[in-house]
Amino acid sequence: MGSAVPVSTGSPFFPPAAAISHQLRSQIIAGNDVNLVKILLCSEMSEKRVVDCGDVSVMLKDSNPRLSKMLKVAEFNVAFGVFRDVICEIYPSRRAELDTYLAIISDLALTYGGTLFYDYHKSFSAKAAMFIQRFNQRLDWSVVDLTLISRHFTGHQALSCSICGSHSHTLNLCPKSVSPPPSKPGFQTVDTKVTPFATPLCYNFNENVCKFYNCNYVHACSYCGDSHPKSVCPRRTRFMKKEKKK
């Protein structure tokens, strides 16, 4: 790598942080509690509107439903990446701190699934903004807030691999799962898991209708054991021998 000559094979990258509004950028730099959905929308809309009624002013919340969207982990990573880059343009020494926070959020998302990680982020972001406004103190984003962890994750079971019970990977990445032998030419084979499941499979999931947030059964295909429902399993085909052309 030390002697390699750099070669460009594509177009220049346009930083997403450059596309957000000046108003939103100022709010991020000031340490305000910023809704990350605004970053994805590149919007200058406000979550609150002030209506002047003469001697009285009334503050109304914006009715745009997109602002209350619960971000998925991929959407969060993109939005927070822009949030981090805006801050690091002014305070470059905080990049390691914010990178660690992103790793914390990713770990919570992997451990618990769903959008609990985003509930934690919204609480932490609001708390960090409050400390700046009231006490002129900046919270360390690289440290896990145990109070908020207890508030949002107590009573929720951590996700685990149904084969080995580990919390570090999902079913399709388990090293103890056995891969089937390669299919013979001219046949379509069925991919099956040799290792049995420790917990019964979810029937509703296999019919693609499970609506339970904390389902106690394994969400895996009852036909091949992979992480999709049986109703959409691509391996649900019988053994068929291809006809040879005479």
C-alpha atoms as a PDB file:
ATOM      1  CA  MET A   1       0.000   0.000   0.000  1.00  0.00           C
ATOM      2  CA  GLY A   2       2.880   2.349   0.683  1.00  0.00           C
ATOM      3  CA  SER A   3       4.151   2.251  -2.889  1.00  0.00           C
ATOM      4  CA  ALA A   4       0.796   1.946  -4.705  1.00  0.00           C
ATOM      5  CA  VAL A   5      -0.110   4.778  -7.045  1.00  0.00           C
ATOM      6  CA  PRO A   6      -3.634   6.195  -6.502  1.00  0.00           C
ATOM      7  CA  VAL A   7      -5.945   5.840  -9.512  1.00  0.00           C
ATOM      8  CA  SER A   8      -9.436   7.338  -9.815  1.00  0.00           C
ATOM      9  CA  THR A   9     -12.019   5.118 -11.545  1.00  0.00           C
ATOM     10  CA  GLY A  10     -15.208   7.026 -10.721  1.00  0.00           C
ATOM     11  CA  SER A  11     -16.769  10.418 -10.140  1.00  0.00           C
ATOM     12  CA  PRO A  12     -15.989  12.645  -7.127  1.00  0.00           C
ATOM     13  CA  PHE A  13     -18.023  11.935  -3.987  1.00  0.00           C
ATOM     14  CA  PHE A  14     -20.518  14.599  -2.945  1.00  0.00           C
ATOM     15  CA  PRO A  15     -20.675  14.686   0.884  1.00  0.00           C
ATOM     16  CA  PRO A  16     -24.292  14.352   2.130  1.00  0.00           C
ATOM     17  CA  ALA A  17     -23.500  16.880   4.861  1.00  0.00           C
ATOM     18  CA  ALA A  18     -23.167  19.566   2.205  1.00  0.00           C
ATOM     19  CA  ALA A  19     -26.803  19.147   1.166  1.00  0.00           C
ATOM     20  CA  ILE A  20     -28.466  20.080   4.467  1.00  0.00           C
ATOM     21  CA  SER A  21     -29.770  23.575   5.097  1.00  0.00           C
ATOM     22  CA  HIS A  22     -27.839  26.300   6.893  1.00  0.00           C
ATOM     23  CA  GLN A  23     -30.534  26.407   9.588  1.00  0.00           C
ATOM     24  CA  LEU A  24     -30.267  22.686  10.303  1.00  0.00           C
ATOM     25  CA  ARG A  25     -26.468  22.885  10.283  1.00  0.00           C
ATOM     26  CA  SER A  26     -26.583  25.691  12.853  1.00  0.00           C
ATOM     27  CA  GLN A  27     -28.860  23.641  15.116  1.00  0.00           C
ATOM     28  CA  ILE A  28     -26.453  20.688  15.004  1.00  0.00           C
ATOM     29  CA  ILE A  29     -23.421  22.868  15.782  1.00  0.00           C
ATOM     30  CA  ALA A  30     -25.294  24.535  18.665  1.00  0.00           C
ATOM     31  CA  GLY A  31     -25.921  21.158  20.297  1.00  0.00           C
ATOM     32  CA  ASN A  32     -29.703  21.213  19.894  1.00  0.00           C
ATOM     33  CA  ASP A  33     -31.841  18.074  19.920  1.00  0.00           C
ATOM     34  CA  VAL A  34     -32.048  17.451  16.162  1.00  0.00           C
ATOM     35  CA  ASN A  35     -34.548  15.068  14.586  1.00  0.00           C
ATOM     36  CA  LEU A  36     -32.444  12.863  12.303  1.00  0.00           C
ATOM     37  CA  VAL A  37     -35.389  12.456   9.926  1.00  0.00           C
ATOM     38  CA  LYS A  38     -34.837  16.078   8.890  1.00  0.00           C
ATOM     39  CA  ILE A  39     -31.363  15.166   7.715  1.00  0.00           C
ATOM     40  CA  LEU A  40     -32.702  12.399   5.495  1.00  0.00           C
ATOM     41  CA  LEU A  41     -35.365  14.745   4.112  1.00  0.00           C
ATOM     42  CA  CYS A  42     -32.873  17.612   3.697  1.00  0.00           C
ATOM     43  CA  SER A  43     -35.744  19.697   5.023  1.00  0.00           C
ATOM     44  CA  GLU A  44     -35.938  23.082   6.701  1.00  0.00           C
ATOM     45  CA  MET A  45     -39.342  22.290   8.177  1.00  0.00           C
ATOM     46  CA  SER A  46     -39.828  22.842  11.868  1.00  0.00           C
ATOM     47  CA  GLU A  47     -41.499  20.403  14.222  1.00  0.00           C
ATOM     48  CA  LYS A  48     -43.276  23.338  15.873  1.00  0.00           C
ATOM     49  CA  ARG A  49     -45.122  26.307  14.386  1.00  0.00           C
ATOM     50  CA  VAL A  50     -45.970  29.551  16.153  1.00  0.00           C
ATOM     51  CA  VAL A  51     -49.336  31.107  15.308  1.00  0.00           C
ATOM     52  CA  ASP A  52     -49.695  34.803  16.234  1.00  0.00           C
ATOM     53  CA  CYS A  53     -53.202  35.540  17.582  1.00  0.00           C
ATOM     54  CA  GLY A  54     -52.636  39.158  18.569  1.00  0.00           C
ATOM     55  CA  ASP A  55     -51.881  39.320  22.281  1.00  0.00           C
ATOM     56  CA  VAL A  56     -51.401  35.531  22.441  1.00  0.00           C
ATOM     57  CA  SER A  57     -49.063  33.300  20.474  1.00  0.00           C
ATOM     58  CA  VAL A  58     -49.899  29.602  20.151  1.00  0.00           C
ATOM     59  CA  MET A  59     -47.257  26.973  19.412  1.00  0.00           C
ATOM     60  CA  LEU A  60     -48.482  24.067  17.298  1.00  0.00           C
ATOM     61  CA  LYS A  61     -46.695  20.872  16.387  1.00  0.00           C
ATOM     62  CA  ASP A  62     -46.118  20.209  12.713  1.00  0.00           C
ATOM     63  CA  SER A  63     -48.565  17.686  11.301  1.00  0.00           C
ATOM     64  CA  ASN A  64     -46.080  16.145   8.865  1.00  0.00           C
ATOM     65  CA  PRO A  65     -46.146  12.415   9.784  1.00  0.00           C
ATOM     66  CA  ARG A  66     -42.678  11.825   8.342  1.00  0.00           C
ATOM     67  CA  LEU A  67     -41.065  13.671  11.257  1.00  0.00           C
ATOM     68  CA  SER A  68     -42.294  10.990  13.673  1.00  0.00           C
ATOM     69  CA  LYS A  69     -40.854   8.136  11.595  1.00  0.00           C
ATOM     70  CA  MET A  70     -38.932   5.496  13.536  1.00  0.00           C
ATOM     71  CA  LEU A  71     -35.679   5.052  11.657  1.00  0.00           C
ATOM     72  CA  LYS A  72     -34.288   1.641  10.807  1.00  0.00           C
ATOM     73  CA  VAL A  73     -30.656   0.989  11.629  1.00  0.00           C
ATOM     74  CA  ALA A  74     -29.480   1.579   8.027  1.00  0.00           C
ATOM     75  CA  GLU A  75     -31.363   4.897   7.861  1.00  0.00           C
ATOM     76  CA  PHE A  76     -29.973   5.871  11.254  1.00  0.00           C
ATOM     77  CA  ASN A  77     -26.397   5.136  10.171  1.00  0.00           C
ATOM     78  CA  VAL A  78     -26.769   7.402   7.137  1.00  0.00           C
ATOM     79  CA  ALA A  79     -28.430  10.249   9.044  1.00  0.00           C
ATOM     80  CA  PHE A  80     -26.098  10.103  12.033  1.00  0.00           C
ATOM     81  CA  GLY A  81     -23.111   9.956   9.685  1.00  0.00           C
ATOM     82  CA  VAL A  82     -24.163  13.340   8.304  1.00  0.00           C
ATOM     83  CA  PHE A  83     -24.814  14.628  11.842  1.00  0.00           C
ATOM     84  CA  ARG A  84     -21.310  13.524  12.879  1.00  0.00           C
ATOM     85  CA  ASP A  85     -19.618  15.036   9.819  1.00  0.00           C
ATOM     86  CA  VAL A  86     -21.256  18.420  10.416  1.00  0.00           C
ATOM     87  CA  ILE A  87     -19.984  18.491  13.998  1.00  0.00           C
ATOM     88  CA  CYS A  88     -16.509  17.280  13.029  1.00  0.00           C
ATOM     89  CA  GLU A  89     -16.134  20.061  10.467  1.00  0.00           C
ATOM     90  CA  ILE A  90     -15.970  22.453  13.442  1.00  0.00           C
ATOM     91  CA  TYR A  91     -14.773  20.076  16.176  1.00  0.00           C
ATOM     92  CA  PRO A  92     -12.619  17.398  14.464  1.00  0.00           C
ATOM     93  CA  SER A  93     -11.433  16.010  17.802  1.00  0.00           C
ATOM     94  CA  ARG A  94     -14.935  14.632  18.469  1.00  0.00           C
ATOM     95  CA  ARG A  95     -14.906  12.151  15.566  1.00  0.00           C
ATOM     96  CA  ALA A  96     -13.656   9.220  17.674  1.00  0.00           C
ATOM     97  CA  GLU A  97     -16.310   9.961  20.313  1.00  0.00           C
ATOM     98  CA  LEU A  98     -19.149  10.017  17.780  1.00  0.00           C
ATOM     99  CA  ASP A  99     -17.815   6.962  15.944  1.00  0.00           C
ATOM    100  CA  THR A 100     -17.967   5.073  19.243  1.00  0.00           C
ATOM    101  CA  TYR A 101     -21.553   6.230  19.773  1.00  0.00           C
ATOM    102  CA  LEU A 102     -22.475   4.900  16.327  1.00  0.00           C
ATOM    103  CA  ALA A 103     -20.893   1.561  17.279  1.00  0.00           C
ATOM    104  CA  ILE A 104     -22.942   1.523  20.515  1.00  0.00           C
ATOM    105  CA  ILE A 105     -26.173   2.115  18.595  1.00  0.00           C
ATOM    106  CA  SER A 106     -25.319  -0.568  16.028  1.00  0.00           C
ATOM    107  CA  ASP A 107     -24.621  -3.054  18.819  1.00  0.00           C
ATOM    108  CA  LEU A 108     -27.973  -2.269  20.502  1.00  0.00           C
ATOM    109  CA  ALA A 109     -29.756  -2.725  17.169  1.00  0.00           C
ATOM    110  CA  LEU A 110     -28.059  -6.086  16.596  1.00  0.00           C
ATOM    111  CA  THR A 111     -28.703  -7.263  20.161  1.00  0.00           C
ATOM    112  CA  TYR A 112     -32.367  -6.292  20.511  1.00  0.00           C
ATOM    113  CA  GLY A 113     -33.631  -5.782  16.961  1.00  0.00           C
ATOM    114  CA  GLY A 114     -36.582  -3.548  16.112  1.00  0.00           C
ATOM    115  CA  THR A 115     -36.361   0.173  16.828  1.00  0.00           C
ATOM    116  CA  LEU A 116     -35.488   0.152  20.544  1.00  0.00           C
ATOM    117  CA  PHE A 117     -32.068   1.545  19.650  1.00  0.00           C
ATOM    118  CA  TYR A 118     -33.771   4.600  18.162  1.00  0.00           C
ATOM    119  CA  ASP A 119     -35.787   5.182  21.336  1.00  0.00           C
ATOM    120  CA  TYR A 120     -32.485   5.162  23.229  1.00  0.00           C
ATOM    121  CA  HIS A 121     -30.954   7.635  20.772  1.00  0.00           C
ATOM    122  CA  LYS A 122     -33.863  10.081  21.000  1.00  0.00           C
ATOM    123  CA  SER A 123     -33.660  10.053  24.798  1.00  0.00           C
ATOM    124  CA  PHE A 124     -29.885  10.479  24.800  1.00  0.00           C
ATOM    125  CA  SER A 125     -29.998  13.273  22.201  1.00  0.00           C
ATOM    126  CA  ALA A 126     -32.624  15.162  24.229  1.00  0.00           C
ATOM    127  CA  LYS A 127     -30.603  14.670  27.422  1.00  0.00           C
ATOM    128  CA  ALA A 128     -27.394  15.902  25.773  1.00  0.00           C
ATOM    129  CA  ALA A 129     -29.157  19.025  24.479  1.00  0.00           C
ATOM    130  CA  MET A 130     -30.648  19.706  27.923  1.00  0.00           C
ATOM    131  CA  PHE A 131     -27.222  19.520  29.610  1.00  0.00           C
ATOM    132  CA  ILE A 132     -25.846  22.097  27.171  1.00  0.00           C
ATOM    133  CA  GLN A 133     -28.781  24.487  27.535  1.00  0.00           C
ATOM    134  CA  ARG A 134     -29.167  24.300  31.318  1.00  0.00           C
ATOM    135  CA  PHE A 135     -25.688  23.550  32.647  1.00  0.00           C
ATOM    136  CA  ASN A 136     -23.375  24.393  29.712  1.00  0.00           C
ATOM    137  CA  GLN A 137     -21.987  20.847  29.983  1.00  0.00           C
ATOM    138  CA  ARG A 138     -21.352  18.470  27.093  1.00  0.00           C
ATOM    139  CA  LEU A 139     -22.136  14.798  27.595  1.00  0.00           C
ATOM    140  CA  ASP A 140     -19.659  12.187  26.408  1.00  0.00           C
ATOM    141  CA  TRP A 141     -21.401  10.329  23.566  1.00  0.00           C
ATOM    142  CA  SER A 142     -18.879   7.479  23.679  1.00  0.00           C
ATOM    143  CA  VAL A 143     -20.148   6.326  27.109  1.00  0.00           C
ATOM    144  CA  VAL A 144     -23.239   4.132  27.462  1.00  0.00           C
ATOM    145  CA  ASP A 145     -25.958   5.822  29.534  1.00  0.00           C
ATOM    146  CA  LEU A 146     -26.954   3.043  31.952  1.00  0.00           C
ATOM    147  CA  THR A 147     -30.044   4.937  33.128  1.00  0.00           C
ATOM    148  CA  LEU A 148     -31.443   5.117  29.600  1.00  0.00           C
ATOM    149  CA  ILE A 149     -30.412   1.522  28.912  1.00  0.00           C
ATOM    150  CA  SER A 150     -32.451   0.432  31.936  1.00  0.00           C
ATOM    151  CA  ARG A 151     -35.411   2.568  30.862  1.00  0.00           C
ATOM    152  CA  HIS A 152     -35.644   1.351  27.287  1.00  0.00           C
ATOM    153  CA  PHE A 153     -34.347  -2.228  27.364  1.00  0.00           C
ATOM    154  CA  THR A 154     -35.467  -3.644  30.708  1.00  0.00           C
ATOM    155  CA  GLY A 155     -37.988  -6.413  30.074  1.00  0.00           C
ATOM    156  CA  HIS A 156     -36.888  -6.937  26.484  1.00  0.00           C
ATOM    157  CA  GLN A 157     -35.122 -10.171  25.675  1.00  0.00           C
ATOM    158  CA  ALA A 158     -31.927  -9.943  23.689  1.00  0.00           C
ATOM    159  CA  LEU A 159     -31.973 -11.696  20.342  1.00  0.00           C
ATOM    160  CA  SER A 160     -29.923 -14.853  20.114  1.00  0.00           C
ATOM    161  CA  CYS A 161     -29.033 -17.500  17.560  1.00  0.00           C
ATOM    162  CA  SER A 162     -31.561 -20.328  17.713  1.00  0.00           C
ATOM    163  CA  ILE A 163     -28.820 -22.894  17.059  1.00  0.00           C
ATOM    164  CA  CYS A 164     -26.059 -22.009  19.535  1.00  0.00           C
ATOM    165  CA  GLY A 165     -27.690 -19.303  21.680  1.00  0.00           C
ATOM    166  CA  SER A 166     -25.027 -16.686  20.943  1.00  0.00           C
ATOM    167  CA  HIS A 167     -25.957 -12.973  20.904  1.00  0.00           C
ATOM    168  CA  SER A 168     -23.116 -12.068  18.542  1.00  0.00           C
ATOM    169  CA  HIS A 169     -24.682 -13.357  15.317  1.00  0.00           C
ATOM    170  CA  THR A 170     -27.967 -14.382  13.713  1.00  0.00           C
ATOM    171  CA  LEU A 171     -29.135 -17.772  12.498  1.00  0.00           C
ATOM    172  CA  ASN A 172     -27.825 -17.443   8.940  1.00  0.00           C
ATOM    173  CA  LEU A 173     -24.312 -16.580  10.232  1.00  0.00           C
ATOM    174  CA  CYS A 174     -24.044 -19.347  12.837  1.00  0.00           C
ATOM    175  CA  PRO A 175     -20.775 -21.312  12.452  1.00  0.00           C
ATOM    176  CA  LYS A 176     -22.515 -24.435  13.800  1.00  0.00           C
ATOM    177  CA  SER A 177     -25.063 -24.584  11.002  1.00  0.00           C
ATOM    178  CA  VAL A 178     -24.317 -27.267   8.448  1.00  0.00           C
ATOM    179  CA  SER A 179     -24.349 -26.376   4.780  1.00  0.00           C
ATOM    180  CA  PRO A 180     -25.868 -28.945   2.421  1.00  0.00           C
ATOM    181  CA  PRO A 181     -23.738 -30.716  -0.200  1.00  0.00           C
ATOM    182  CA  PRO A 182     -23.668 -29.111  -3.647  1.00  0.00           C
ATOM    183  CA  SER A 183     -26.409 -30.212  -6.014  1.00  0.00           C
ATOM    184  CA  LYS A 184     -25.710 -32.592  -8.829  1.00  0.00           C
ATOM    185  CA  PRO A 185     -25.925 -31.317 -12.399  1.00  0.00           C
ATOM    186  CA  GLY A 186     -29.411 -31.663 -13.788  1.00  0.00           C
ATOM    187  CA  PHE A 187     -31.175 -31.642 -10.379  1.00  0.00           C
ATOM    188  CA  GLN A 188     -32.736 -28.976  -8.190  1.00  0.00           C
ATOM    189  CA  THR A 189     -32.032 -29.930  -4.591  1.00  0.00           C
ATOM    190  CA  VAL A 190     -33.603 -28.835  -1.329  1.00  0.00           C
ATOM    191  CA  ASP A 191     -31.372 -26.879   1.034  1.00  0.00           C
ATOM    192  CA  THR A 192     -31.961 -28.131   4.587  1.00  0.00           C
ATOM    193  CA  LYS A 193     -30.370 -27.460   7.954  1.00  0.00           C
ATOM    194  CA  VAL A 194     -28.959 -30.491   9.730  1.00  0.00           C
ATOM    195  CA  THR A 195     -28.790 -28.910  13.158  1.00  0.00           C
ATOM    196  CA  PRO A 196     -32.266 -28.825  14.827  1.00  0.00           C
ATOM    197  CA  PHE A 197     -33.742 -25.716  16.408  1.00  0.00           C
ATOM    198  CA  ALA A 198     -33.735 -25.453  20.206  1.00  0.00           C
ATOM    199  CA  THR A 199     -36.980 -23.404  20.099  1.00  0.00           C
ATOM    200  CA  PRO A 200     -40.091 -24.243  18.021  1.00  0.00           C
ATOM    201  CA  LEU A 201     -40.541 -22.365  14.786  1.00  0.00           C
ATOM    202  CA  CYS A 202     -43.149 -19.636  14.447  1.00  0.00           C
ATOM    203  CA  TYR A 203     -46.070 -20.800  12.296  1.00  0.00           C
ATOM    204  CA  ASN A 204     -47.339 -17.243  11.763  1.00  0.00           C
ATOM    205  CA  PHE A 205     -43.921 -16.099  10.534  1.00  0.00           C
ATOM    206  CA  ASN A 206     -43.811 -18.932   8.015  1.00  0.00           C
ATOM    207  CA  GLU A 207     -47.167 -17.753   6.673  1.00  0.00           C
ATOM    208  CA  ASN A 208     -45.802 -14.186   6.684  1.00  0.00           C
ATOM    209  CA  VAL A 209     -48.427 -12.943   9.151  1.00  0.00           C
ATOM    210  CA  CYS A 210     -46.632 -12.765  12.556  1.00  0.00           C
ATOM    211  CA  LYS A 211     -47.391  -9.421  14.199  1.00  0.00           C
ATOM    212  CA  PHE A 212     -45.918 -10.056  17.654  1.00  0.00           C
ATOM    213  CA  TYR A 213     -43.048  -7.656  18.436  1.00  0.00           C
ATOM    214  CA  ASN A 214     -41.413 -10.006  20.972  1.00  0.00           C
ATOM    215  CA  CYS A 215     -42.361 -13.369  19.501  1.00  0.00           C
ATOM    216  CA  ASN A 216     -41.177 -16.318  21.622  1.00  0.00           C
ATOM    217  CA  TYR A 217     -40.727 -18.608  18.623  1.00  0.00           C
ATOM    218  CA  VAL A 218     -37.959 -18.785  16.040  1.00  0.00           C
ATOM    219  CA  HIS A 219     -38.496 -16.744  12.903  1.00  0.00           C
ATOM    220  CA  ALA A 220     -36.976 -19.134  10.392  1.00  0.00           C
ATOM    221  CA  CYS A 221     -38.214 -21.018   7.352  1.00  0.00           C
ATOM    222  CA  SER A 222     -39.756 -24.365   8.315  1.00  0.00           C
ATOM    223  CA  TYR A 223     -38.728 -25.770   4.925  1.00  0.00           C
ATOM    224  CA  CYS A 224     -35.030 -24.923   4.713  1.00  0.00           C
ATOM    225  CA  GLY A 225     -34.210 -23.235   8.039  1.00  0.00           C
ATOM    226  CA  ASP A 226     -33.094 -19.937   6.519  1.00  0.00           C
ATOM    227  CA  SER A 227     -34.152 -16.485   7.749  1.00  0.00           C
ATOM    228  CA  HIS A 228     -37.139 -16.009   5.382  1.00  0.00           C
ATOM    229  CA  PRO A 229     -40.752 -17.270   5.702  1.00  0.00           C
ATOM    230  CA  LYS A 230     -41.727 -20.569   4.129  1.00  0.00           C
ATOM    231  CA  SER A 231     -44.301 -18.723   2.015  1.00  0.00           C
ATOM    232  CA  VAL A 232     -41.487 -17.066   0.030  1.00  0.00           C
ATOM    233  CA  CYS A 233     -38.871 -19.819   0.266  1.00  0.00           C
ATOM    234  CA  PRO A 234     -36.999 -20.064  -3.059  1.00  0.00           C
ATOM    235  CA  ARG A 235     -36.076 -23.692  -2.350  1.00  0.00           C
ATOM    236  CA  ARG A 236     -39.627 -25.063  -2.187  1.00  0.00           C
ATOM    237  CA  THR A 237     -39.228 -27.047  -5.354  1.00  0.00           C
ATOM    238  CA  ARG A 238     -39.361 -30.785  -5.824  1.00  0.00           C
ATOM    239  CA  PHE A 239     -36.495 -32.748  -7.173  1.00  0.00           C
ATOM    240  CA  MET A 240     -36.733 -32.326 -10.886  1.00  0.00           C
ATOM    241  CA  LYS A 241     -34.471 -33.893 -13.388  1.00  0.00           C
ATOM    242  CA  LYS A 242     -33.853 -31.783 -16.428  1.00  0.00           C
ATOM    243  CA  GLU A 243     -34.778 -33.439 -19.637  1.00  0.00           C
ATOM    244  CA  LYS A 244     -31.855 -34.083 -21.839  1.00  0.00           C
ATOM    245  CA  LYS A 245     -32.169 -33.023 -25.382  1.00  0.00           C
ATOM    246  CA  LYS A 246     -32.041 -35.908 -27.724  1.00  0.00           C
END
